[in-house]
PDB file of all heavy atoms in Angstrom:
ATOM      1  N   GLU A   1      -7.565  -6.179   1.218  1.00  0.00           N
ATOM      2  CA  GLU A   1      -6.323  -5.403   1.157  1.00  0.00           C
ATOM      3  C   GLU A   1      -5.855  -5.157  -0.265  1.00  0.00           C
ATOM      4  O   GLU A   1      -5.048  -4.240  -0.508  1.00  0.00           O
ATOM      5  CB  GLU A   1      -5.217  -6.116   1.940  1.00  0.00           C
ATOM      6  CG  GLU A   1      -5.505  -6.300   3.428  1.00  0.00           C
ATOM      7  CD  GLU A   1      -5.500  -4.987   4.177  1.00  0.00           C
ATOM      8  OE1 GLU A   1      -4.972  -3.983   3.647  1.00  0.00           O
ATOM      9  OE2 GLU A   1      -6.040  -4.954   5.314  1.00  0.00           O
ATOM     10  N   SER A   2      -6.328  -5.986  -1.212  1.00  0.00           N
ATOM     11  CA  SER A   2      -5.879  -5.924  -2.610  1.00  0.00           C
ATOM     12  C   SER A   2      -4.361  -6.026  -2.715  1.00  0.00           C
ATOM     13  O   SER A   2      -3.750  -5.466  -3.621  1.00  0.00           O
ATOM     14  CB  SER A   2      -6.369  -4.626  -3.288  1.00  0.00           C
ATOM     15  OG  SER A   2      -7.777  -4.567  -3.301  1.00  0.00           O
ATOM     16  N   HIS A   3      -3.768  -6.748  -1.795  1.00  0.00           N
ATOM     17  CA  HIS A   3      -2.309  -6.832  -1.763  1.00  0.00           C
ATOM     18  C   HIS A   3      -1.915  -8.001  -0.852  1.00  0.00           C
ATOM     19  O   HIS A   3      -2.370  -8.091   0.304  1.00  0.00           O
ATOM     20  CB  HIS A   3      -1.727  -5.518  -1.223  1.00  0.00           C
ATOM     21  CG  HIS A   3      -0.265  -5.370  -1.431  1.00  0.00           C
ATOM     22  ND1 HIS A   3       0.662  -5.951  -0.594  1.00  0.00           N
ATOM     23  CD2 HIS A   3       0.446  -4.706  -2.383  1.00  0.00           C
ATOM     24  CE1 HIS A   3       1.874  -5.636  -1.010  1.00  0.00           C
ATOM     25  NE2 HIS A   3       1.773  -4.883  -2.109  1.00  0.00           N
ATOM     26  N   PHE A   4      -1.060  -8.882  -1.350  1.00  0.00           N
ATOM     27  CA  PHE A   4      -0.661 -10.052  -0.569  1.00  0.00           C
ATOM     28  C   PHE A   4       0.204  -9.656   0.633  1.00  0.00           C
ATOM     29  O   PHE A   4       0.074 -10.226   1.716  1.00  0.00           O
ATOM     30  CB  PHE A   4       0.109 -11.042  -1.460  1.00  0.00           C
ATOM     31  CG  PHE A   4      -0.792 -12.054  -2.127  1.00  0.00           C
ATOM     32  CD1 PHE A   4      -1.419 -11.759  -3.338  1.00  0.00           C
ATOM     33  CD2 PHE A   4      -1.026 -13.282  -1.543  1.00  0.00           C
ATOM     34  CE1 PHE A   4      -2.243 -12.678  -3.951  1.00  0.00           C
ATOM     35  CE2 PHE A   4      -1.856 -14.212  -2.161  1.00  0.00           C
ATOM     36  CZ  PHE A   4      -2.474 -13.913  -3.371  1.00  0.00           C
ATOM     37  N   GLY A   5       1.088  -8.687   0.419  1.00  0.00           N
ATOM     38  CA  GLY A   5       1.980  -8.288   1.504  1.00  0.00           C
ATOM     39  C   GLY A   5       1.216  -7.724   2.690  1.00  0.00           C
ATOM     40  O   GLY A   5       1.449  -8.111   3.847  1.00  0.00           O
ATOM     41  N   ARG A   6       0.276  -6.793   2.418  1.00  0.00           N
ATOM     42  CA  ARG A   6      -0.505  -6.199   3.506  1.00  0.00           C
ATOM     43  C   ARG A   6      -1.421  -7.241   4.168  1.00  0.00           C
ATOM     44  O   ARG A   6      -1.602  -7.244   5.386  1.00  0.00           O
ATOM     45  CB  ARG A   6      -1.337  -5.031   2.979  1.00  0.00           C
ATOM     46  CG  ARG A   6      -0.509  -3.814   2.587  1.00  0.00           C
ATOM     47  CD  ARG A   6      -1.393  -2.595   2.389  1.00  0.00           C
ATOM     48  NE  ARG A   6      -2.334  -2.775   1.290  1.00  0.00           N
ATOM     49  CZ  ARG A   6      -2.070  -2.448   0.025  1.00  0.00           C
ATOM     50  NH1 ARG A   6      -0.869  -1.932  -0.303  1.00  0.00           N
ATOM     51  NH2 ARG A   6      -2.961  -2.634  -0.931  1.00  0.00           N
ATOM     52  N   ALA A   7      -1.968  -8.145   3.339  1.00  0.00           N
ATOM     53  CA  ALA A   7      -2.828  -9.190   3.898  1.00  0.00           C
ATOM     54  C   ALA A   7      -2.026 -10.123   4.803  1.00  0.00           C
ATOM     55  O   ALA A   7      -2.508 -10.548   5.857  1.00  0.00           O
ATOM     56  CB  ALA A   7      -3.495  -9.977   2.775  1.00  0.00           C
ATOM     57  N   ALA A   8      -0.781 -10.435   4.392  1.00  0.00           N
ATOM     58  CA  ALA A   8       0.070 -11.305   5.207  1.00  0.00           C
ATOM     59  C   ALA A   8       0.370 -10.642   6.553  1.00  0.00           C
ATOM     60  O   ALA A   8       0.350 -11.301   7.607  1.00  0.00           O
ATOM     61  CB  ALA A   8       1.359 -11.636   4.460  1.00  0.00           C
ATOM     62  N   GLU A   9       0.651  -9.339   6.541  1.00  0.00           N
ATOM     63  CA  GLU A   9       0.896  -8.621   7.795  1.00  0.00           C
ATOM     64  C   GLU A   9      -0.350  -8.626   8.680  1.00  0.00           C
ATOM     65  O   GLU A   9      -0.263  -8.801   9.897  1.00  0.00           O
ATOM     66  CB  GLU A   9       1.309  -7.179   7.493  1.00  0.00           C
ATOM     67  CG  GLU A   9       2.691  -7.057   6.843  1.00  0.00           C
ATOM     68  CD  GLU A   9       3.039  -5.610   6.535  1.00  0.00           C
ATOM     69  OE1 GLU A   9       2.229  -4.713   6.885  1.00  0.00           O
ATOM     70  OE2 GLU A   9       4.107  -5.374   5.933  1.00  0.00           O
ATOM     71  N   ARG A  10      -1.487  -8.447   8.073  1.00  0.00           N
ATOM     72  CA  ARG A  10      -2.754  -8.427   8.821  1.00  0.00           C
ATOM     73  C   ARG A  10      -3.039  -9.773   9.492  1.00  0.00           C
ATOM     74  O   ARG A  10      -3.536  -9.818  10.624  1.00  0.00           O
ATOM     75  CB  ARG A  10      -3.885  -8.067   7.855  1.00  0.00           C
ATOM     76  CG  ARG A  10      -5.302  -8.237   8.378  1.00  0.00           C
ATOM     77  CD  ARG A  10      -6.276  -7.671   7.355  1.00  0.00           C
ATOM     78  NE  ARG A  10      -7.601  -8.237   7.476  1.00  0.00           N
ATOM     79  CZ  ARG A  10      -8.624  -7.915   6.704  1.00  0.00           C
ATOM     80  NH1 ARG A  10      -8.450  -7.015   5.732  1.00  0.00           N
ATOM     81  NH2 ARG A  10      -9.804  -8.461   6.859  1.00  0.00           N
ATOM     82  N   LEU A  11      -2.655 -10.844   8.803  1.00  0.00           N
ATOM     83  CA  LEU A  11      -2.911 -12.186   9.327  1.00  0.00           C
ATOM     84  C   LEU A  11      -1.753 -12.738  10.143  1.00  0.00           C
ATOM     85  O   LEU A  11      -1.856 -13.835  10.696  1.00  0.00           O
ATOM     86  CB  LEU A  11      -3.219 -13.145   8.174  1.00  0.00           C
ATOM     87  CG  LEU A  11      -4.479 -12.847   7.359  1.00  0.00           C
ATOM     88  CD1 LEU A  11      -4.543 -13.750   6.144  1.00  0.00           C
ATOM     89  CD2 LEU A  11      -5.728 -13.005   8.214  1.00  0.00           C
ATOM     90  N   HIS A  12      -0.648 -11.981  10.180  1.00  0.00           N
ATOM     91  CA  HIS A  12       0.541 -12.409  10.917  1.00  0.00           C
ATOM     92  C   HIS A  12       1.098 -13.730  10.383  1.00  0.00           C
ATOM     93  O   HIS A  12       1.416 -14.650  11.143  1.00  0.00           O
ATOM     94  CB  HIS A  12       0.233 -12.530  12.420  1.00  0.00           C
ATOM     95  CG  HIS A  12      -0.345 -11.292  13.023  1.00  0.00           C
ATOM     96  ND1 HIS A  12       0.397 -10.134  13.196  1.00  0.00           N
ATOM     97  CD2 HIS A  12      -1.594 -11.014  13.468  1.00  0.00           C
ATOM     98  CE1 HIS A  12      -0.386  -9.204  13.744  1.00  0.00           C
ATOM     99  NE2 HIS A  12      -1.598  -9.723  13.910  1.00  0.00           N
ATOM    100  N   VAL A  13       1.166 -13.833   9.061  1.00  0.00           N
ATOM    101  CA  VAL A  13       1.774 -15.000   8.406  1.00  0.00           C
ATOM    102  C   VAL A  13       2.751 -14.495   7.352  1.00  0.00           C
ATOM    103  O   VAL A  13       2.748 -13.312   6.985  1.00  0.00           O
ATOM    104  CB  VAL A  13       0.709 -15.904   7.748  1.00  0.00           C
ATOM    105  CG1 VAL A  13      -0.256 -16.438   8.780  1.00  0.00           C
ATOM    106  CG2 VAL A  13      -0.045 -15.155   6.644  1.00  0.00           C
ATOM    107  N   SER A  14       3.577 -15.393   6.856  1.00  0.00           N
ATOM    108  CA  SER A  14       4.500 -15.005   5.786  1.00  0.00           C
ATOM    109  C   SER A  14       3.750 -14.929   4.470  1.00  0.00           C
ATOM    110  O   SER A  14       2.730 -15.599   4.275  1.00  0.00           O
ATOM    111  CB  SER A  14       5.642 -16.023   5.682  1.00  0.00           C
ATOM    112  OG  SER A  14       5.146 -17.267   5.213  1.00  0.00           O
ATOM    113  N   GLN A  15       4.279 -14.128   3.547  1.00  0.00           N
ATOM    114  CA  GLN A  15       3.623 -13.974   2.249  1.00  0.00           C
ATOM    115  C   GLN A  15       3.614 -15.284   1.464  1.00  0.00           C
ATOM    116  O   GLN A  15       2.589 -15.619   0.858  1.00  0.00           O
ATOM    117  CB  GLN A  15       4.297 -12.854   1.444  1.00  0.00           C
ATOM    118  CG  GLN A  15       3.533 -12.508   0.163  1.00  0.00           C
ATOM    119  CD  GLN A  15       4.045 -11.224  -0.467  1.00  0.00           C
ATOM    120  OE1 GLN A  15       4.526 -10.329   0.228  1.00  0.00           O
ATOM    121  NE2 GLN A  15       3.971 -11.139  -1.790  1.00  0.00           N
ATOM    122  N   PRO A  16       4.733 -16.055   1.447  1.00  0.00           N
ATOM    123  CA  PRO A  16       4.677 -17.345   0.734  1.00  0.00           C
ATOM    124  C   PRO A  16       3.613 -18.278   1.309  1.00  0.00           C
ATOM    125  O   PRO A  16       2.929 -18.973   0.561  1.00  0.00           O
ATOM    126  CB  PRO A  16       6.084 -17.908   0.937  1.00  0.00           C
ATOM    127  CG  PRO A  16       6.941 -16.710   1.138  1.00  0.00           C
ATOM    128  CD  PRO A  16       6.095 -15.751   1.899  1.00  0.00           C
ATOM    129  N   ALA A  17       3.484 -18.309   2.642  1.00  0.00           N
ATOM    130  CA  ALA A  17       2.472 -19.176   3.251  1.00  0.00           C
ATOM    131  C   ALA A  17       1.071 -18.732   2.854  1.00  0.00           C
ATOM    132  O   ALA A  17       0.189 -19.558   2.588  1.00  0.00           O
ATOM    133  CB  ALA A  17       2.618 -19.161   4.763  1.00  0.00           C
ATOM    134  N   LEU A  18       0.858 -17.419   2.777  1.00  0.00           N
ATOM    135  CA  LEU A  18      -0.446 -16.900   2.370  1.00  0.00           C
ATOM    136  C   LEU A  18      -0.740 -17.274   0.926  1.00  0.00           C
ATOM    137  O   LEU A  18      -1.864 -17.669   0.584  1.00  0.00           O
ATOM    138  CB  LEU A  18      -0.485 -15.387   2.557  1.00  0.00           C
ATOM    139  CG  LEU A  18      -1.781 -14.681   2.134  1.00  0.00           C
ATOM    140  CD1 LEU A  18      -2.977 -15.234   2.903  1.00  0.00           C
ATOM    141  CD2 LEU A  18      -1.667 -13.178   2.344  1.00  0.00           C
ATOM    142  N   SER A  19       0.260 -17.164   0.058  1.00  0.00           N
ATOM    143  CA  SER A  19       0.076 -17.526  -1.349  1.00  0.00           C
ATOM    144  C   SER A  19      -0.306 -18.991  -1.479  1.00  0.00           C
ATOM    145  O   SER A  19      -1.179 -19.351  -2.285  1.00  0.00           O
ATOM    146  CB  SER A  19       1.354 -17.237  -2.139  1.00  0.00           C
ATOM    147  OG  SER A  19       1.646 -15.848  -2.131  1.00  0.00           O
ATOM    148  N   ARG A  20       0.343 -19.859  -0.699  1.00  0.00           N
ATOM    149  CA  ARG A  20       0.007 -21.280  -0.765  1.00  0.00           C
ATOM    150  C   ARG A  20      -1.428 -21.532  -0.305  1.00  0.00           C
ATOM    151  O   ARG A  20      -2.156 -22.373  -0.860  1.00  0.00           O
ATOM    152  CB  ARG A  20       0.975 -22.083   0.116  1.00  0.00           C
ATOM    153  CG  ARG A  20       2.388 -22.187  -0.462  1.00  0.00           C
ATOM    154  CD  ARG A  20       3.205 -23.245   0.258  1.00  0.00           C
ATOM    155  NE  ARG A  20       3.411 -22.917   1.668  1.00  0.00           N
ATOM    156  CZ  ARG A  20       4.444 -22.195   2.115  1.00  0.00           C
ATOM    157  NH1 ARG A  20       5.352 -21.700   1.264  1.00  0.00           N
ATOM    158  NH2 ARG A  20       4.582 -21.954   3.407  1.00  0.00           N
ATOM    159  N   THR A  21      -1.877 -20.797   0.718  1.00  0.00           N
ATOM    160  CA  THR A  21      -3.246 -20.962   1.214  1.00  0.00           C
ATOM    161  C   THR A  21      -4.255 -20.559   0.146  1.00  0.00           C
ATOM    162  O   THR A  21      -5.274 -21.242  -0.049  1.00  0.00           O
ATOM    163  CB  THR A  21      -3.456 -20.116   2.487  1.00  0.00           C
ATOM    164  OG1 THR A  21      -2.531 -20.539   3.480  1.00  0.00           O
ATOM    165  CG2 THR A  21      -4.874 -20.265   3.025  1.00  0.00           C
ATOM    166  N   ILE A  22      -3.996 -19.450  -0.545  1.00  0.00           N
ATOM    167  CA  ILE A  22      -4.912 -18.991  -1.601  1.00  0.00           C
ATOM    168  C   ILE A  22      -4.935 -19.989  -2.749  1.00  0.00           C
ATOM    169  O   ILE A  22      -5.998 -20.295  -3.307  1.00  0.00           O
ATOM    170  CB  ILE A  22      -4.520 -17.585  -2.085  1.00  0.00           C
ATOM    171  CG1 ILE A  22      -4.692 -16.557  -0.961  1.00  0.00           C
ATOM    172  CG2 ILE A  22      -5.338 -17.190  -3.318  1.00  0.00           C
ATOM    173  CD1 ILE A  22      -6.109 -16.425  -0.452  1.00  0.00           C
ATOM    174  N   ARG A  23      -3.768 -20.523  -3.128  1.00  0.00           N
ATOM    175  CA  ARG A  23      -3.727 -21.527  -4.204  1.00  0.00           C
ATOM    176  C   ARG A  23      -4.520 -22.765  -3.808  1.00  0.00           C
ATOM    177  O   ARG A  23      -5.252 -23.334  -4.627  1.00  0.00           O
ATOM    178  CB  ARG A  23      -2.281 -21.915  -4.526  1.00  0.00           C
ATOM    179  CG  ARG A  23      -1.542 -20.882  -5.383  1.00  0.00           C
ATOM    180  CD  ARG A  23      -0.303 -21.467  -6.033  1.00  0.00           C
ATOM    181  NE  ARG A  23       0.660 -21.956  -5.051  1.00  0.00           N
ATOM    182  CZ  ARG A  23       1.610 -21.208  -4.503  1.00  0.00           C
ATOM    183  NH1 ARG A  23       1.723 -19.923  -4.841  1.00  0.00           N
ATOM    184  NH2 ARG A  23       2.448 -21.728  -3.624  1.00  0.00           N
ATOM    185  N   ALA A  24      -4.407 -23.164  -2.541  1.00  0.00           N
ATOM    186  CA  ALA A  24      -5.158 -24.330  -2.074  1.00  0.00           C
ATOM    187  C   ALA A  24      -6.661 -24.062  -2.138  1.00  0.00           C
ATOM    188  O   ALA A  24      -7.453 -24.944  -2.496  1.00  0.00           O
ATOM    189  CB  ALA A  24      -4.746 -24.686  -0.655  1.00  0.00           C
ATOM    190  N   LEU A  25      -7.067 -22.849  -1.822  1.00  0.00           N
ATOM    191  CA  LEU A  25      -8.482 -22.488  -1.900  1.00  0.00           C
ATOM    192  C   LEU A  25      -8.967 -22.525  -3.336  1.00  0.00           C
ATOM    193  O   LEU A  25     -10.032 -23.089  -3.628  1.00  0.00           O
ATOM    194  CB  LEU A  25      -8.704 -21.098  -1.291  1.00  0.00           C
ATOM    195  CG  LEU A  25     -10.125 -20.534  -1.424  1.00  0.00           C
ATOM    196  CD1 LEU A  25     -11.130 -21.414  -0.692  1.00  0.00           C
ATOM    197  CD2 LEU A  25     -10.187 -19.099  -0.893  1.00  0.00           C
ATOM    198  N   GLU A  26      -8.205 -21.934  -4.235  1.00  0.00           N
ATOM    199  CA  GLU A  26      -8.600 -21.923  -5.649  1.00  0.00           C
ATOM    200  C   GLU A  26      -8.642 -23.331  -6.216  1.00  0.00           C
ATOM    201  O   GLU A  26      -9.533 -23.670  -7.010  1.00  0.00           O
ATOM    202  CB  GLU A  26      -7.647 -21.041  -6.444  1.00  0.00           C
ATOM    203  CG  GLU A  26      -7.807 -19.554  -6.123  1.00  0.00           C
ATOM    204  CD  GLU A  26      -6.880 -18.674  -6.925  1.00  0.00           C
ATOM    205  OE1 GLU A  26      -5.711 -19.061  -7.119  1.00  0.00           O
ATOM    206  OE2 GLU A  26      -7.320 -17.590  -7.362  1.00  0.00           O
ATOM    207  N   ASP A  27      -7.709 -24.183  -5.790  1.00  0.00           N
ATOM    208  CA  ASP A  27      -7.743 -25.578  -6.233  1.00  0.00           C
ATOM    209  C   ASP A  27      -8.996 -26.267  -5.704  1.00  0.00           C
ATOM    210  O   ASP A  27      -9.632 -27.067  -6.406  1.00  0.00           O
ATOM    211  CB  ASP A  27      -6.499 -26.324  -5.730  1.00  0.00           C
ATOM    212  CG  ASP A  27      -5.231 -25.895  -6.459  1.00  0.00           C
ATOM    213  OD1 ASP A  27      -5.350 -25.284  -7.541  1.00  0.00           O
ATOM    214  OD2 ASP A  27      -4.135 -26.161  -5.934  1.00  0.00           O
ATOM    215  N   GLY A  28      -9.341 -25.947  -4.480  1.00  0.00           N
ATOM    216  CA  GLY A  28     -10.521 -26.566  -3.893  1.00  0.00           C
ATOM    217  C   GLY A  28     -11.808 -26.119  -4.564  1.00  0.00           C
ATOM    218  O   GLY A  28     -12.713 -26.921  -4.782  1.00  0.00           O
ATOM    219  N   VAL A  29     -11.887 -24.830  -4.892  1.00  0.00           N
ATOM    220  CA  VAL A  29     -13.085 -24.301  -5.547  1.00  0.00           C
ATOM    221  C   VAL A  29     -13.113 -24.694  -7.019  1.00  0.00           C
ATOM    222  O   VAL A  29     -14.175 -24.950  -7.601  1.00  0.00           O
ATOM    223  CB  VAL A  29     -13.148 -22.767  -5.385  1.00  0.00           C
ATOM    224  CG1 VAL A  29     -14.337 -22.186  -6.135  1.00  0.00           C
ATOM    225  CG2 VAL A  29     -13.231 -22.400  -3.908  1.00  0.00           C
ATOM    226  N   GLY A  30     -11.923 -24.715  -7.623  1.00  0.00           N
ATOM    227  CA  GLY A  30     -11.834 -25.097  -9.036  1.00  0.00           C
ATOM    228  C   GLY A  30     -11.893 -23.941  -9.998  1.00  0.00           C
ATOM    229  O   GLY A  30     -11.970 -24.148 -11.215  1.00  0.00           O
ATOM    230  N   VAL A  31     -11.845 -22.707  -9.512  1.00  0.00           N
ATOM    231  CA  VAL A  31     -11.846 -21.531 -10.375  1.00  0.00           C
ATOM    232  C   VAL A  31     -10.881 -20.504  -9.801  1.00  0.00           C
ATOM    233  O   VAL A  31     -10.523 -20.557  -8.627  1.00  0.00           O
ATOM    234  CB  VAL A  31     -13.253 -20.890 -10.496  1.00  0.00           C
ATOM    235  CG1 VAL A  31     -14.240 -21.842 -11.159  1.00  0.00           C
ATOM    236  CG2 VAL A  31     -13.764 -20.468  -9.132  1.00  0.00           C
ATOM    237  N   ALA A  32     -10.473 -19.558 -10.651  1.00  0.00           N
ATOM    238  CA  ALA A  32      -9.610 -18.472 -10.187  1.00  0.00           C
ATOM    239  C   ALA A  32     -10.443 -17.470  -9.404  1.00  0.00           C
ATOM    240  O   ALA A  32     -11.501 -17.028  -9.861  1.00  0.00           O
ATOM    241  CB  ALA A  32      -8.935 -17.804 -11.368  1.00  0.00           C
TER     242      ALA A  32
END
């Protein structure tokens, strides 16, 4: 989607919750 808002709508979650999930993934992988 190249956009957090549209991705959040697609996944039926809030944008803050989506941002936290992406941060957790990046922390897990160790890179941006």
